Structure formats: C-alpha cells, structure tokens
Amino acid sequence: MPKAIWNDVVIAESDDTVVVENNHYFPRSSLREDVLRPSGTTSVCPWKGTASYYSLELDGAASADAVWFYPQPMDGAEMVGHALRGRRPGRYRCGCDDVVTGATTGSQPWR
C-alpha cells in the first residue's frame, strides 16, 4: 500500500492513489487531519488547473505549502480532482521507497 511519509511519520496511506507523471496523488480522506494546515498559496499547472495548498505541521516541525490539490481540475485532469500530492523530495516519499519527485514552477525547483 502506498504511504506518504514526512519526517519519518506516515501522514497518508491508501490503495486508491492516482499516479500521474510518476507521482502518487492520495485521496483527501487518507491524509491525517492533525498535520494539515490551510494555506492561501495557489499555483497554476497548464493542464491540471489551479492548485491549492496545505502546509504540514507536527511536533514542532513544519513544511510550508508541502501538499497540494486541484479543487476544480481542468478537462482531462479530473483524475487528480480532490486528490493530494506532496513535495519535498527526500523528505516526503512514497512508501514503496520511490522518492516523490519535485515538480518545477517557473525557474524555482520545489525544495
């Protein structure tokens, strides 16, 4: 079962992930509510649409804008609607030991 692990803590796991561009998108219901913090950040993917973000926070550790989702995906990207994906390569990884690769926005890589 794929797992999302952040700072050695499982924050999501599900057999119902959607894989897009070799990245796992987890169902919203599979994420631990206690680690999610709302964020006002948005970004735009030319084929998926506008992404909204959550930050992660647990036991004094925080990761701003580390998880995103597409509340209203564009036509052709419905499979990622309301599913969440994380960033932070090396710190946020799929439980199958594949590192979740960071995307890029503009010239700035995700950290």
PDB file of N, CA and C in Angstrom:
ATOM      1  N   MET A   1       0.850  -1.180   0.000  1.00  0.00           N
ATOM      2  CA  MET A   1       0.000   0.000   0.000  1.00  0.00           C
ATOM      3  C   MET A   1       0.892   1.240   0.000  1.00  0.00           C
ATOM      4  N   PRO A   2       0.685   2.159  -0.934  1.00  0.00           N
ATOM      5  CA  PRO A   2       1.474   3.394  -0.935  1.00  0.00           C
ATOM      6  C   PRO A   2       1.235   4.204   0.340  1.00  0.00           C
ATOM      7  N   LYS A   3       2.318   4.783   0.828  1.00  0.00           N
ATOM      8  CA  LYS A   3       2.267   5.621   2.025  1.00  0.00           C
ATOM      9  C   LYS A   3       2.972   6.935   1.728  1.00  0.00           C
ATOM     10  N   ALA A   4       2.466   8.008   2.298  1.00  0.00           N
ATOM     11  CA  ALA A   4       3.145   9.300   2.260  1.00  0.00           C
ATOM     12  C   ALA A   4       3.817   9.465   3.617  1.00  0.00           C
ATOM     13  N   ILE A   5       5.126   9.647   3.604  1.00  0.00           N
ATOM     14  CA  ILE A   5       5.908   9.740   4.834  1.00  0.00           C
ATOM     15  C   ILE A   5       6.591  11.096   4.866  1.00  0.00           C
ATOM     16  N   TRP A   6       6.397  11.793   5.955  1.00  0.00           N
ATOM     17  CA  TRP A   6       7.022  13.108   6.141  1.00  0.00           C
ATOM     18  C   TRP A   6       7.726  13.091   7.484  1.00  0.00           C
ATOM     19  N   ASN A   7       9.015  13.398   7.478  1.00  0.00           N
ATOM     20  CA  ASN A   7       9.818  13.388   8.714  1.00  0.00           C
ATOM     21  C   ASN A   7       9.631  12.078   9.486  1.00  0.00           C
ATOM     22  N   ASP A   8       9.674  10.982   8.756  1.00  0.00           N
ATOM     23  CA  ASP A   8       9.563   9.630   9.324  1.00  0.00           C
ATOM     24  C   ASP A   8       8.206   9.325   9.939  1.00  0.00           C
ATOM     25  N   VAL A   9       7.187  10.100   9.622  1.00  0.00           N
ATOM     26  CA  VAL A   9       5.840   9.874  10.126  1.00  0.00           C
ATOM     27  C   VAL A   9       4.922   9.614   8.925  1.00  0.00           C
ATOM     28  N   VAL A  10       4.131   8.546   9.000  1.00  0.00           N
ATOM     29  CA  VAL A  10       3.164   8.268   7.940  1.00  0.00           C
ATOM     30  C   VAL A  10       2.033   9.280   8.061  1.00  0.00           C
ATOM     31  N   ILE A  11       1.853  10.074   6.997  1.00  0.00           N
ATOM     32  CA  ILE A  11       0.786  11.073   7.024  1.00  0.00           C
ATOM     33  C   ILE A  11      -0.382  10.691   6.128  1.00  0.00           C
ATOM     34  N   ALA A  12      -0.184   9.677   5.270  1.00  0.00           N
ATOM     35  CA  ALA A  12      -1.274   9.168   4.430  1.00  0.00           C
ATOM     36  C   ALA A  12      -0.904   7.775   3.949  1.00  0.00           C
ATOM     37  N   GLU A  13      -1.923   6.952   3.762  1.00  0.00           N
ATOM     38  CA  GLU A  13      -1.730   5.673   3.099  1.00  0.00           C
ATOM     39  C   GLU A  13      -3.036   5.252   2.468  1.00  0.00           C
ATOM     40  N   SER A  14      -2.925   4.658   1.287  1.00  0.00           N
ATOM     41  CA  SER A  14      -4.129   4.277   0.564  1.00  0.00           C
ATOM     42  C   SER A  14      -3.773   3.341  -0.583  1.00  0.00           C
ATOM     43  N   ASP A  15      -4.676   2.396  -0.840  1.00  0.00           N
ATOM     44  CA  ASP A  15      -4.563   1.558  -2.042  1.00  0.00           C
ATOM     45  C   ASP A  15      -5.251   2.226  -3.225  1.00  0.00           C
ATOM     46  N   ASP A  16      -5.784   3.413  -3.000  1.00  0.00           N
ATOM     47  CA  ASP A  16      -6.570   4.096  -4.012  1.00  0.00           C
ATOM     48  C   ASP A  16      -5.889   5.375  -4.482  1.00  0.00           C
ATOM     49  N   THR A  17      -4.562   5.352  -4.677  1.00  0.00           N
ATOM     50  CA  THR A  17      -3.872   6.530  -5.191  1.00  0.00           C
ATOM     51  C   THR A  17      -4.047   6.607  -6.704  1.00  0.00           C
ATOM     52  N   VAL A  18      -3.855   7.801  -7.228  1.00  0.00           N
ATOM     53  CA  VAL A  18      -3.860   8.031  -8.671  1.00  0.00           C
ATOM     54  C   VAL A  18      -2.429   8.397  -9.037  1.00  0.00           C
ATOM     55  N   VAL A  19      -1.867   7.725 -10.031  1.00  0.00           N
ATOM     56  CA  VAL A  19      -0.499   8.018 -10.450  1.00  0.00           C
ATOM     57  C   VAL A  19      -0.554   8.845 -11.733  1.00  0.00           C
ATOM     58  N   VAL A  20       0.007  10.041 -11.659  1.00  0.00           N
ATOM     59  CA  VAL A  20       0.076  10.955 -12.799  1.00  0.00           C
ATOM     60  C   VAL A  20       1.507  11.442 -12.882  1.00  0.00           C
ATOM     61  N   GLU A  21       2.123  11.301 -14.063  1.00  0.00           N
ATOM     62  CA  GLU A  21       3.507  11.718 -14.271  1.00  0.00           C
ATOM     63  C   GLU A  21       4.427  11.082 -13.220  1.00  0.00           C
ATOM     64  N   ASN A  22       4.210   9.800 -12.938  1.00  0.00           N
ATOM     65  CA  ASN A  22       5.006   9.027 -11.974  1.00  0.00           C
ATOM     66  C   ASN A  22       4.899   9.537 -10.544  1.00  0.00           C
ATOM     67  N   ASN A  23       3.856  10.275 -10.219  1.00  0.00           N
ATOM     68  CA  ASN A  23       3.652  10.793  -8.869  1.00  0.00           C
ATOM     69  C   ASN A  23       2.331  10.266  -8.324  1.00  0.00           C
ATOM     70  N   HIS A  24       2.346   9.874  -7.045  1.00  0.00           N
ATOM     71  CA  HIS A  24       1.131   9.395  -6.384  1.00  0.00           C
ATOM     72  C   HIS A  24       0.324  10.573  -5.851  1.00  0.00           C
ATOM     73  N   TYR A  25      -0.952  10.600  -6.192  1.00  0.00           N
ATOM     74  CA  TYR A  25      -1.907  11.537  -5.609  1.00  0.00           C
ATOM     75  C   TYR A  25      -2.782  10.719  -4.669  1.00  0.00           C
ATOM     76  N   PHE A  26      -2.816  11.113  -3.396  1.00  0.00           N
ATOM     77  CA  PHE A  26      -3.563  10.383  -2.377  1.00  0.00           C
ATOM     78  C   PHE A  26      -4.960  10.956  -2.222  1.00  0.00           C
ATOM     79  N   PRO A  27      -5.958  10.091  -1.964  1.00  0.00           N
ATOM     80  CA  PRO A  27      -7.300  10.616  -1.680  1.00  0.00           C
ATOM     81  C   PRO A  27      -7.260  11.530  -0.462  1.00  0.00           C
ATOM     82  N   ARG A  28      -8.016  12.591  -0.507  1.00  0.00           N
ATOM     83  CA  ARG A  28      -8.040  13.558   0.599  1.00  0.00           C
ATOM     84  C   ARG A  28      -8.362  12.870   1.924  1.00  0.00           C
ATOM     85  N   SER A  29      -9.243  11.911   1.880  1.00  0.00           N
ATOM     86  CA  SER A  29      -9.665  11.218   3.103  1.00  0.00           C
ATOM     87  C   SER A  29      -8.553  10.365   3.722  1.00  0.00           C
ATOM     88  N   SER A  30      -7.476  10.117   2.986  1.00  0.00           N
ATOM     89  CA  SER A  30      -6.401   9.270   3.514  1.00  0.00           C
ATOM     90  C   SER A  30      -5.352  10.058   4.303  1.00  0.00           C
ATOM     91  N   LEU A  31      -5.382  11.379   4.238  1.00  0.00           N
ATOM     92  CA  LEU A  31      -4.400  12.189   4.950  1.00  0.00           C
ATOM     93  C   LEU A  31      -4.804  12.438   6.393  1.00  0.00           C
ATOM     94  N   ARG A  32      -3.805  12.461   7.257  1.00  0.00           N
ATOM     95  CA  ARG A  32      -4.044  12.769   8.664  1.00  0.00           C
ATOM     96  C   ARG A  32      -4.431  14.234   8.797  1.00  0.00           C
ATOM     97  N   GLU A  33      -5.596  14.480   9.327  1.00  0.00           N
ATOM     98  CA  GLU A  33      -6.094  15.844   9.507  1.00  0.00           C
ATOM     99  C   GLU A  33      -5.234  16.647  10.472  1.00  0.00           C
ATOM    100  N   ASP A  34      -4.664  15.973  11.475  1.00  0.00           N
ATOM    101  CA  ASP A  34      -3.941  16.689  12.523  1.00  0.00           C
ATOM    102  C   ASP A  34      -2.629  17.303  12.060  1.00  0.00           C
ATOM    103  N   VAL A  35      -2.138  16.957  10.877  1.00  0.00           N
ATOM    104  CA  VAL A  35      -0.882  17.536  10.401  1.00  0.00           C
ATOM    105  C   VAL A  35      -1.098  18.603   9.327  1.00  0.00           C
ATOM    106  N   LEU A  36      -2.317  18.723   8.807  1.00  0.00           N
ATOM    107  CA  LEU A  36      -2.606  19.678   7.729  1.00  0.00           C
ATOM    108  C   LEU A  36      -2.969  21.050   8.277  1.00  0.00           C
ATOM    109  N   ARG A  37      -2.390  22.082   7.665  1.00  0.00           N
ATOM    110  CA  ARG A  37      -2.712  23.468   8.000  1.00  0.00           C
ATOM    111  C   ARG A  37      -3.073  24.185   6.707  1.00  0.00           C
ATOM    112  N   PRO A  38      -4.195  24.880   6.669  1.00  0.00           N
ATOM    113  CA  PRO A  38      -4.584  25.590   5.447  1.00  0.00           C
ATOM    114  C   PRO A  38      -3.532  26.616   5.030  1.00  0.00           C
ATOM    115  N   SER A  39      -3.422  26.808   3.738  1.00  0.00           N
ATOM    116  CA  SER A  39      -2.505  27.802   3.186  1.00  0.00           C
ATOM    117  C   SER A  39      -3.261  28.611   2.140  1.00  0.00           C
ATOM    118  N   GLY A  40      -2.898  29.847   1.979  1.00  0.00           N
ATOM    119  CA  GLY A  40      -3.511  30.686   0.961  1.00  0.00           C
ATOM    120  C   GLY A  40      -2.797  30.606  -0.380  1.00  0.00           C
ATOM    121  N   THR A  41      -1.768  29.784  -0.462  1.00  0.00           N
ATOM    122  CA  THR A  41      -0.967  29.686  -1.679  1.00  0.00           C
ATOM    123  C   THR A  41      -1.731  28.959  -2.785  1.00  0.00           C
ATOM    124  N   THR A  42      -1.580  29.452  -4.003  1.00  0.00           N
ATOM    125  CA  THR A  42      -2.093  28.765  -5.189  1.00  0.00           C
ATOM    126  C   THR A  42      -1.020  28.806  -6.266  1.00  0.00           C
ATOM    127  N   SER A  43      -1.119  27.895  -7.214  1.00  0.00           N
ATOM    128  CA  SER A  43      -0.258  27.906  -8.396  1.00  0.00           C
ATOM    129  C   SER A  43      -1.076  27.340  -9.542  1.00  0.00           C
ATOM    130  N   VAL A  44      -0.576  27.477 -10.750  1.00  0.00           N
ATOM    131  CA  VAL A  44      -1.324  27.021 -11.914  1.00  0.00           C
ATOM    132  C   VAL A  44      -0.490  26.052 -12.728  1.00  0.00           C
ATOM    133  N   CYS A  45      -1.069  24.908 -13.022  1.00  0.00           N
ATOM    134  CA  CYS A  45      -0.498  23.942 -13.955  1.00  0.00           C
ATOM    135  C   CYS A  45      -1.255  24.126 -15.272  1.00  0.00           C
ATOM    136  N   PRO A  46      -0.555  24.205 -16.400  1.00  0.00           N
ATOM    137  CA  PRO A  46      -1.258  24.473 -17.655  1.00  0.00           C
ATOM    138  C   PRO A  46      -2.251  23.392 -18.070  1.00  0.00           C
ATOM    139  N   TRP A  47      -2.111  22.170 -17.572  1.00  0.00           N
ATOM    140  CA  TRP A  47      -3.080  21.151 -17.976  1.00  0.00           C
ATOM    141  C   TRP A  47      -3.937  20.623 -16.823  1.00  0.00           C
ATOM    142  N   LYS A  48      -3.536  20.854 -15.569  1.00  0.00           N
ATOM    143  CA  LYS A  48      -4.344  20.384 -14.440  1.00  0.00           C
ATOM    144  C   LYS A  48      -5.213  21.487 -13.857  1.00  0.00           C
ATOM    145  N   GLY A  49      -4.771  22.724 -13.947  1.00  0.00           N
ATOM    146  CA  GLY A  49      -5.546  23.840 -13.422  1.00  0.00           C
ATOM    147  C   GLY A  49      -4.891  24.496 -12.228  1.00  0.00           C
ATOM    148  N   THR A  50      -5.684  25.160 -11.408  1.00  0.00           N
ATOM    149  CA  THR A  50      -5.179  25.888 -10.242  1.00  0.00           C
ATOM    150  C   THR A  50      -5.093  24.962  -9.044  1.00  0.00           C
ATOM    151  N   ALA A  51      -3.918  24.934  -8.437  1.00  0.00           N
ATOM    152  CA  ALA A  51      -3.680  24.109  -7.256  1.00  0.00           C
ATOM    153  C   ALA A  51      -3.816  24.956  -5.998  1.00  0.00           C
ATOM    154  N   SER A  52      -4.377  24.370  -4.967  1.00  0.00           N
ATOM    155  CA  SER A  52      -4.425  24.964  -3.632  1.00  0.00           C
ATOM    156  C   SER A  52      -3.522  24.134  -2.731  1.00  0.00           C
ATOM    157  N   TYR A  53      -3.048  24.734  -1.641  1.00  0.00           N
ATOM    158  CA  TYR A  53      -2.018  24.097  -0.818  1.00  0.00           C
ATOM    159  C   TYR A  53      -2.413  23.932   0.643  1.00  0.00           C
ATOM    160  N   TYR A  54      -1.762  22.981   1.274  1.00  0.00           N
ATOM    161  CA  TYR A  54      -1.750  22.812   2.722  1.00  0.00           C
ATOM    162  C   TYR A  54      -0.293  22.807   3.160  1.00  0.00           C
ATOM    163  N   SER A  55      -0.039  23.294   4.347  1.00  0.00           N
ATOM    164  CA  SER A  55       1.273  23.139   4.982  1.00  0.00           C
ATOM    165  C   SER A  55       1.158  21.961   5.942  1.00  0.00           C
ATOM    166  N   LEU A  56       2.295  21.389   6.295  1.00  0.00           N
ATOM    167  CA  LEU A  56       2.340  20.293   7.257  1.00  0.00           C
ATOM    168  C   LEU A  56       2.961  20.791   8.549  1.00  0.00           C
ATOM    169  N   GLU A  57       2.437  20.329   9.675  1.00  0.00           N
ATOM    170  CA  GLU A  57       2.980  20.721  10.971  1.00  0.00           C
ATOM    171  C   GLU A  57       2.726  19.590  11.966  1.00  0.00           C
ATOM    172  N   LEU A  58       3.791  19.199  12.680  1.00  0.00           N
ATOM    173  CA  LEU A  58       3.668  18.143  13.686  1.00  0.00           C
ATOM    174  C   LEU A  58       4.872  18.182  14.611  1.00  0.00           C
ATOM    175  N   ASP A  59       4.615  18.161  15.898  1.00  0.00           N
ATOM    176  CA  ASP A  59       5.681  18.092  16.913  1.00  0.00           C
ATOM    177  C   ASP A  59       6.774  19.139  16.704  1.00  0.00           C
ATOM    178  N   GLY A  60       6.378  20.355  16.365  1.00  0.00           N
ATOM    179  CA  GLY A  60       7.337  21.441  16.202  1.00  0.00           C
ATOM    180  C   GLY A  60       7.979  21.519  14.830  1.00  0.00           C
ATOM    181  N   ALA A  61       7.796  20.513  13.997  1.00  0.00           N
ATOM    182  CA  ALA A  61       8.331  20.549  12.627  1.00  0.00           C
ATOM    183  C   ALA A  61       7.245  21.098  11.704  1.00  0.00           C
ATOM    184  N   ALA A  62       7.660  21.865  10.708  1.00  0.00           N
ATOM    185  CA  ALA A  62       6.701  22.439   9.762  1.00  0.00           C
ATOM    186  C   ALA A  62       7.285  22.430   8.364  1.00  0.00           C
ATOM    187  N   SER A  63       6.409  22.329   7.398  1.00  0.00           N
ATOM    188  CA  SER A  63       6.800  22.367   5.997  1.00  0.00           C
ATOM    189  C   SER A  63       5.720  23.150   5.250  1.00  0.00           C
ATOM    190  N   ALA A  64       6.047  24.384   4.912  1.00  0.00           N
ATOM    191  CA  ALA A  64       5.074  25.271   4.272  1.00  0.00           C
ATOM    192  C   ALA A  64       4.721  24.789   2.869  1.00  0.00           C
ATOM    193  N   ASP A  65       3.437  24.841   2.559  1.00  0.00           N
ATOM    194  CA  ASP A  65       2.943  24.540   1.212  1.00  0.00           C
ATOM    195  C   ASP A  65       3.465  23.202   0.678  1.00  0.00           C
ATOM    196  N   ALA A  66       3.487  22.206   1.518  1.00  0.00           N
ATOM    197  CA  ALA A  66       4.084  20.917   1.164  1.00  0.00           C
ATOM    198  C   ALA A  66       3.135  19.972   0.439  1.00  0.00           C
ATOM    199  N   VAL A  67       1.844  20.227   0.501  1.00  0.00           N
ATOM    200  CA  VAL A  67       0.852  19.334  -0.092  1.00  0.00           C
ATOM    201  C   VAL A  67      -0.101  20.181  -0.923  1.00  0.00           C
ATOM    202  N   TRP A  68      -0.448  19.687  -2.108  1.00  0.00           N
ATOM    203  CA  TRP A  68      -1.378  20.449  -2.932  1.00  0.00           C
ATOM    204  C   TRP A  68      -2.439  19.561  -3.557  1.00  0.00           C
ATOM    205  N   PHE A  69      -3.490  20.217  -4.023  1.00  0.00           N
ATOM    206  CA  PHE A  69      -4.594  19.523  -4.672  1.00  0.00           C
ATOM    207  C   PHE A  69      -5.245  20.465  -5.671  1.00  0.00           C
ATOM    208  N   TYR A  70      -6.055  19.899  -6.543  1.00  0.00           N
ATOM    209  CA  TYR A  70      -6.745  20.657  -7.583  1.00  0.00           C
ATOM    210  C   TYR A  70      -8.245  20.589  -7.316  1.00  0.00           C
ATOM    211  N   PRO A  71      -8.820  21.594  -6.649  1.00  0.00           N
ATOM    212  CA  PRO A  71     -10.239  21.536  -6.303  1.00  0.00           C
ATOM    213  C   PRO A  71     -11.167  21.547  -7.523  1.00  0.00           C
ATOM    214  N   GLN A  72     -10.739  22.167  -8.611  1.00  0.00           N
ATOM    215  CA  GLN A  72     -11.518  22.198  -9.846  1.00  0.00           C
ATOM    216  C   GLN A  72     -10.579  21.944 -11.017  1.00  0.00           C
ATOM    217  N   PRO A  73     -10.177  20.673 -11.212  1.00  0.00           N
ATOM    218  CA  PRO A  73      -9.222  20.383 -12.281  1.00  0.00           C
ATOM    219  C   PRO A  73      -9.802  20.679 -13.666  1.00  0.00           C
ATOM    220  N   MET A  74      -8.909  20.943 -14.582  1.00  0.00           N
ATOM    221  CA  MET A  74      -9.321  21.220 -15.956  1.00  0.00           C
ATOM    222  C   MET A  74      -9.792  19.937 -16.631  1.00  0.00           C
ATOM    223  N   ASP A  75     -10.507  20.094 -17.739  1.00  0.00           N
ATOM    224  CA  ASP A  75     -10.939  18.939 -18.522  1.00  0.00           C
ATOM    225  C   ASP A  75      -9.714  18.113 -18.893  1.00  0.00           C
ATOM    226  N   GLY A  76      -9.808  16.814 -18.698  1.00  0.00           N
ATOM    227  CA  GLY A  76      -8.695  15.917 -18.985  1.00  0.00           C
ATOM    228  C   GLY A  76      -7.839  15.624 -17.768  1.00  0.00           C
ATOM    229  N   ALA A  77      -8.043  16.368 -16.679  1.00  0.00           N
ATOM    230  CA  ALA A  77      -7.256  16.153 -15.459  1.00  0.00           C
ATOM    231  C   ALA A  77      -8.153  15.799 -14.275  1.00  0.00           C
ATOM    232  N   GLU A  78      -9.356  15.360 -14.563  1.00  0.00           N
ATOM    233  CA  GLU A  78     -10.313  15.053 -13.499  1.00  0.00           C
ATOM    234  C   GLU A  78      -9.781  14.019 -12.512  1.00  0.00           C
ATOM    235  N   MET A  79      -8.867  13.167 -12.965  1.00  0.00           N
ATOM    236  CA  MET A  79      -8.348  12.114 -12.093  1.00  0.00           C
ATOM    237  C   MET A  79      -7.611  12.646 -10.870  1.00  0.00           C
ATOM    238  N   VAL A  80      -7.173  13.893 -10.894  1.00  0.00           N
ATOM    239  CA  VAL A  80      -6.484  14.458  -9.730  1.00  0.00           C
ATOM    240  C   VAL A  80      -7.392  15.352  -8.892  1.00  0.00           C
ATOM    241  N   GLY A  81      -8.648  15.451  -9.266  1.00  0.00           N
ATOM    242  CA  GLY A  81      -9.574  16.288  -8.513  1.00  0.00           C
ATOM    243  C   GLY A  81      -9.703  15.826  -7.075  1.00  0.00           C
ATOM    244  N   HIS A  82      -9.419  16.700  -6.151  1.00  0.00           N
ATOM    245  CA  HIS A  82      -9.516  16.466  -4.710  1.00  0.00           C
ATOM    246  C   HIS A  82      -8.515  15.438  -4.190  1.00  0.00           C
ATOM    247  N   ALA A  83      -7.597  14.964  -5.015  1.00  0.00           N
ATOM    248  CA  ALA A  83      -6.513  14.109  -4.533  1.00  0.00           C
ATOM    249  C   ALA A  83      -5.349  15.013  -4.166  1.00  0.00           C
ATOM    250  N   LEU A  84      -4.512  14.561  -3.228  1.00  0.00           N
ATOM    251  CA  LEU A  84      -3.417  15.399  -2.760  1.00  0.00           C
ATOM    252  C   LEU A  84      -2.068  14.777  -3.067  1.00  0.00           C
ATOM    253  N   ARG A  85      -1.127  15.624  -3.346  1.00  0.00           N
ATOM    254  CA  ARG A  85       0.232  15.205  -3.622  1.00  0.00           C
ATOM    255  C   ARG A  85       1.160  16.074  -2.798  1.00  0.00           C
ATOM    256  N   GLY A  86       2.291  15.518  -2.410  1.00  0.00           N
ATOM    257  CA  GLY A  86       3.249  16.274  -1.624  1.00  0.00           C
ATOM    258  C   GLY A  86       4.528  16.534  -2.368  1.00  0.00           C
ATOM    259  N   ARG A  87       5.277  17.478  -1.862  1.00  0.00           N
ATOM    260  CA  ARG A  87       6.588  17.784  -2.418  1.00  0.00           C
ATOM    261  C   ARG A  87       7.631  17.582  -1.345  1.00  0.00           C
ATOM    262  N   ARG A  88       8.788  18.104  -1.528  1.00  0.00           N
ATOM    263  CA  ARG A  88       9.922  17.951  -0.627  1.00  0.00           C
ATOM    264  C   ARG A  88      10.641  16.635  -0.884  1.00  0.00           C
ATOM    265  N   PRO A  89      11.266  16.490  -2.041  1.00  0.00           N
ATOM    266  CA  PRO A  89      11.983  15.257  -2.343  1.00  0.00           C
ATOM    267  C   PRO A  89      12.970  14.910  -1.234  1.00  0.00           C
ATOM    268  N   GLY A  90      13.037  13.643  -0.913  1.00  0.00           N
ATOM    269  CA  GLY A  90      13.946  13.186   0.118  1.00  0.00           C
ATOM    270  C   GLY A  90      13.338  13.231   1.505  1.00  0.00           C
ATOM    271  N   ARG A  91      12.311  14.052   1.696  1.00  0.00           N
ATOM    272  CA  ARG A  91      11.657  14.134   2.987  1.00  0.00           C
ATOM    273  C   ARG A  91      10.225  13.641   2.902  1.00  0.00           C
ATOM    274  N   TYR A  92       9.645  13.768   1.746  1.00  0.00           N
ATOM    275  CA  TYR A  92       8.290  13.295   1.519  1.00  0.00           C
ATOM    276  C   TYR A  92       8.414  12.234   0.450  1.00  0.00           C
ATOM    277  N   ARG A  93       8.092  11.016   0.789  1.00  0.00           N
ATOM    278  CA  ARG A  93       8.308   9.957  -0.178  1.00  0.00           C
ATOM    279  C   ARG A  93       7.165   8.967  -0.146  1.00  0.00           C
ATOM    280  N   CYS A  94       7.050   8.263  -1.220  1.00  0.00           N
ATOM    281  CA  CYS A  94       6.053   7.212  -1.323  1.00  0.00           C
ATOM    282  C   CYS A  94       6.545   6.018  -0.513  1.00  0.00           C
ATOM    283  N   GLY A  95       5.659   5.308   0.126  1.00  0.00           N
ATOM    284  CA  GLY A  95       6.034   4.176   0.951  1.00  0.00           C
ATOM    285  C   GLY A  95       6.616   3.017   0.180  1.00  0.00           C
ATOM    286  N   CYS A  96       6.536   3.067  -1.150  1.00  0.00           N
ATOM    287  CA  CYS A  96       7.141   1.984  -1.930  1.00  0.00           C
ATOM    288  C   CYS A  96       8.617   2.293  -2.175  1.00  0.00           C
ATOM    289  N   ASP A  97       9.162   3.228  -1.418  1.00  0.00           N
ATOM    290  CA  ASP A  97      10.559   3.641  -1.459  1.00  0.00           C
ATOM    291  C   ASP A  97      10.943   4.438  -2.692  1.00  0.00           C
ATOM    292  N   ASP A  98       9.965   4.827  -3.503  1.00  0.00           N
ATOM    293  CA  ASP A  98      10.246   5.746  -4.594  1.00  0.00           C
ATOM    294  C   ASP A  98      10.139   7.152  -4.034  1.00  0.00           C
ATOM    295  N   VAL A  99      11.148   7.958  -4.246  1.00  0.00           N
ATOM    296  CA  VAL A  99      11.071   9.342  -3.788  1.00  0.00           C
ATOM    297  C   VAL A  99      10.068  10.065  -4.664  1.00  0.00           C
ATOM    298  N   VAL A 100       9.168  10.788  -4.041  1.00  0.00           N
ATOM    299  CA  VAL A 100       8.215  11.592  -4.795  1.00  0.00           C
ATOM    300  C   VAL A 100       8.990  12.752  -5.386  1.00  0.00           C
ATOM    301  N   THR A 101       9.071  12.808  -6.689  1.00  0.00           N
ATOM    302  CA  THR A 101       9.895  13.814  -7.346  1.00  0.00           C
ATOM    303  C   THR A 101       9.247  15.180  -7.276  1.00  0.00           C
ATOM    304  N   GLY A 102      10.069  16.197  -7.143  1.00  0.00           N
ATOM    305  CA  GLY A 102       9.562  17.557  -7.095  1.00  0.00           C
ATOM    306  C   GLY A 102       9.273  18.057  -8.489  1.00  0.00           C
ATOM    307  N   ALA A 103       8.235  18.844  -8.589  1.00  0.00           N
ATOM    308  CA  ALA A 103       7.927  19.486  -9.861  1.00  0.00           C
ATOM    309  C   ALA A 103       8.633  20.829  -9.886  1.00  0.00           C
ATOM    310  N   THR A 104       8.561  21.515 -10.970  1.00  0.00           N
ATOM    311  CA  THR A 104       9.135  22.851 -11.017  1.00  0.00           C
ATOM    312  C   THR A 104       8.048  23.836 -11.375  1.00  0.00           C
ATOM    313  N   THR A 105       8.207  25.024 -10.891  1.00  0.00           N
ATOM    314  CA  THR A 105       7.303  26.098 -11.251  1.00  0.00           C
ATOM    315  C   THR A 105       8.180  27.287 -11.617  1.00  0.00           C
ATOM    316  N   GLY A 106       8.057  27.764 -12.818  1.00  0.00           N
ATOM    317  CA  GLY A 106       8.970  28.810 -13.270  1.00  0.00           C
ATOM    318  C   GLY A 106      10.384  28.242 -13.268  1.00  0.00           C
ATOM    319  N   SER A 107      11.328  29.008 -12.738  1.00  0.00           N
ATOM    320  CA  SER A 107      12.701  28.509 -12.689  1.00  0.00           C
ATOM    321  C   SER A 107      13.085  28.004 -11.303  1.00  0.00           C
ATOM    322  N   GLN A 108      12.128  28.011 -10.368  1.00  0.00           N
ATOM    323  CA  GLN A 108      12.429  27.613  -8.998  1.00  0.00           C
ATOM    324  C   GLN A 108      12.022  26.167  -8.753  1.00  0.00           C
ATOM    325  N   PRO A 109      12.971  25.275  -8.437  1.00  0.00           N
ATOM    326  CA  PRO A 109      12.575  23.910  -8.114  1.00  0.00           C
ATOM    327  C   PRO A 109      11.918  23.849  -6.759  1.00  0.00           C
ATOM    328  N   TRP A 110      11.015  22.897  -6.587  1.00  0.00           N
ATOM    329  CA  TRP A 110      10.462  22.653  -5.260  1.00  0.00           C
ATOM    330  C   TRP A 110      11.581  22.160  -4.380  1.00  0.00           C
ATOM    331  N   ARG A 111      11.541  22.522  -3.119  1.00  0.00           N
ATOM    332  CA  ARG A 111      12.559  22.064  -2.184  1.00  0.00           C
ATOM    333  C   ARG A 111      11.977  20.976  -1.316  1.00  0.00           C
TER     334      ARG A 111
END
